Amino acid sequence: QVQLVESGGGLVQAGGSLRLSCVVSGSISSINDIPVGWHRQAPGKQREFVALASSVDGNTYSGAVKGRFTITRDNAKKTVYLDMNRLKPEDTGVYYCITSRLGVTSWGQGTLVTVSA
């Protein structure tokens, strides 16, 4: 079983930056061997895909964040990062870390990002 714990959310002005972290723990030897990503859910909206790091397909991003957000992995720290730049009010929401292993999808508890105009 895999556990995910996010951190790094907060309040930031439009145009600013934040770095989110997701610590991966459990029965896993390398986070480079599994797909790990981020989704977000804005108030009153459905959860949506943000970014994915995959050893098969590389890094992929939603159109809304491409060019502004970057996903990276540090296997030594078992941590996945989401660097968010040029933030916009529409980036506001709860950000969730997600991974899938052996057919089981795991989610973190989420971290809140609020971008003020």
Protein backbone atom coordinates (compact mmCIF):
# COMPACT_ATOMS: atom_id res chain seq x y z
CA GLN A 1 0.00 0.00 0.00
CA VAL A 2 1.17 3.50 -0.84
CA GLN A 3 0.56 6.61 1.25
CA LEU A 4 0.81 10.17 -0.05
CA VAL A 5 1.13 13.34 2.03
CA GLU A 6 1.01 16.75 0.37
CA SER A 7 2.25 20.07 1.73
CA GLY A 8 3.21 23.53 0.53
CA GLY A 9 -0.16 25.07 -0.17
CA GLY A 10 -1.03 28.57 0.95
CA LEU A 11 -2.17 32.03 -0.05
CA VAL A 12 -0.30 33.80 -2.83
CA GLN A 13 -0.93 36.82 -5.02
CA ALA A 14 -1.53 36.46 -8.72
CA GLY A 15 1.76 36.26 -10.57
CA GLY A 16 3.49 34.60 -7.64
CA SER A 17 4.92 31.11 -7.18
CA LEU A 18 4.47 28.11 -4.91
CA ARG A 19 6.11 24.71 -4.59
CA LEU A 20 3.96 21.77 -3.56
CA SER A 21 5.50 18.59 -2.17
CA CYS A 22 4.15 15.06 -2.01
CA VAL A 23 5.96 12.52 0.16
CA VAL A 24 5.41 8.94 -0.97
CA SER A 25 5.69 6.13 1.57
CA GLY A 26 4.77 2.48 1.82
CA SER A 27 5.82 -0.67 0.01
CA ILE A 28 7.69 0.95 -2.83
CA SER A 29 11.39 1.01 -3.60
CA SER A 30 11.51 3.72 -6.25
CA ILE A 31 9.07 6.46 -7.16
CA ASN A 32 10.74 6.65 -10.56
CA ASP A 33 9.10 3.34 -11.50
CA ILE A 34 5.51 4.43 -10.91
CA PRO A 35 3.40 7.18 -12.44
CA VAL A 36 2.88 10.07 -10.02
CA GLY A 37 0.89 13.18 -10.64
CA TRP A 38 -1.23 16.05 -9.43
CA HIS A 39 -4.90 16.84 -9.76
CA ARG A 40 -6.82 19.79 -8.40
CA GLN A 41 -10.37 20.67 -7.46
CA ALA A 42 -11.63 24.22 -7.54
CA PRO A 43 -14.61 25.24 -5.37
CA GLY A 44 -17.82 23.96 -6.92
CA LYS A 45 -16.02 22.15 -9.74
CA GLN A 46 -14.96 18.61 -10.51
CA ARG A 47 -11.47 17.37 -9.85
CA GLU A 48 -9.21 17.80 -12.87
CA PHE A 49 -5.84 16.60 -14.11
CA VAL A 50 -2.88 18.95 -13.68
CA ALA A 51 0.37 17.07 -14.30
CA LEU A 52 1.82 13.57 -14.55
CA ALA A 53 5.36 12.19 -14.35
CA SER A 54 5.67 8.83 -16.05
CA SER A 55 8.76 6.80 -16.94
CA VAL A 56 6.89 5.66 -20.07
CA ASP A 57 5.39 8.89 -21.38
CA GLY A 58 7.58 11.51 -19.69
CA ASN A 59 5.96 14.56 -18.12
CA THR A 60 2.56 15.73 -19.30
CA TYR A 61 0.50 18.77 -18.31
CA SER A 62 -2.97 20.09 -18.75
CA GLY A 63 -3.34 22.92 -21.22
CA ALA A 64 -4.27 25.27 -18.42
CA VAL A 65 -0.90 24.92 -16.66
CA LYS A 66 1.53 23.97 -19.41
CA GLY A 67 4.44 26.36 -19.49
CA ARG A 68 3.80 27.57 -15.94
CA PHE A 69 3.92 24.39 -13.81
CA THR A 70 6.70 21.81 -13.59
CA ILE A 71 6.54 18.34 -12.03
CA THR A 72 9.73 16.72 -10.76
CA ARG A 73 10.69 13.71 -8.65
CA ASP A 74 13.43 13.19 -6.06
CA ASN A 75 13.67 9.46 -5.49
CA ALA A 76 16.18 9.80 -2.64
CA LYS A 77 13.57 11.78 -0.71
CA LYS A 78 10.62 9.82 -2.13
CA THR A 79 9.09 13.19 -2.93
CA VAL A 80 7.23 14.56 -5.93
CA TYR A 81 7.19 18.32 -6.46
CA LEU A 82 4.93 20.66 -8.36
CA ASP A 83 6.54 24.04 -9.03
CA MET A 84 3.84 26.55 -9.88
CA ASN A 85 4.79 29.88 -11.45
CA ARG A 86 2.82 32.87 -12.76
CA LEU A 87 -0.13 31.76 -10.68
CA LYS A 88 -3.61 32.94 -11.60
CA PRO A 89 -6.78 33.22 -9.50
CA GLU A 90 -8.22 30.33 -11.53
CA ASP A 91 -5.43 28.10 -10.17
CA THR A 92 -7.16 28.25 -6.77
CA GLY A 93 -8.20 24.88 -5.42
CA VAL A 94 -7.22 21.83 -3.43
CA TYR A 95 -4.26 20.05 -5.01
CA TYR A 96 -4.06 16.28 -4.69
CA CYS A 97 -1.14 13.97 -5.28
CA ILE A 98 -2.00 10.69 -7.02
CA THR A 99 -0.24 7.50 -7.96
CA SER A 100 -1.15 4.09 -9.27
CA ARG A 101 0.59 0.82 -8.51
CA LEU A 102 -0.48 -2.75 -9.25
CA GLY A 103 -3.88 -1.51 -10.32
CA VAL A 104 -4.52 0.43 -7.13
CA THR A 105 -4.88 4.21 -7.23
CA SER A 106 -3.87 6.18 -4.16
CA TRP A 107 -4.66 9.80 -3.34
CA GLY A 108 -3.28 12.19 -0.78
CA GLN A 109 -5.45 14.30 1.50
CA GLY A 110 -4.84 17.46 -0.53
CA THR A 111 -3.31 20.87 0.10
CA LEU A 112 -5.16 24.14 -0.45
CA VAL A 113 -3.81 26.77 -2.83
CA THR A 114 -5.47 30.17 -2.90
CA VAL A 115 -4.44 32.77 -5.47
CA SER A 116 -5.69 36.28 -4.85
CA ALA A 117 -6.28 38.76 -7.64
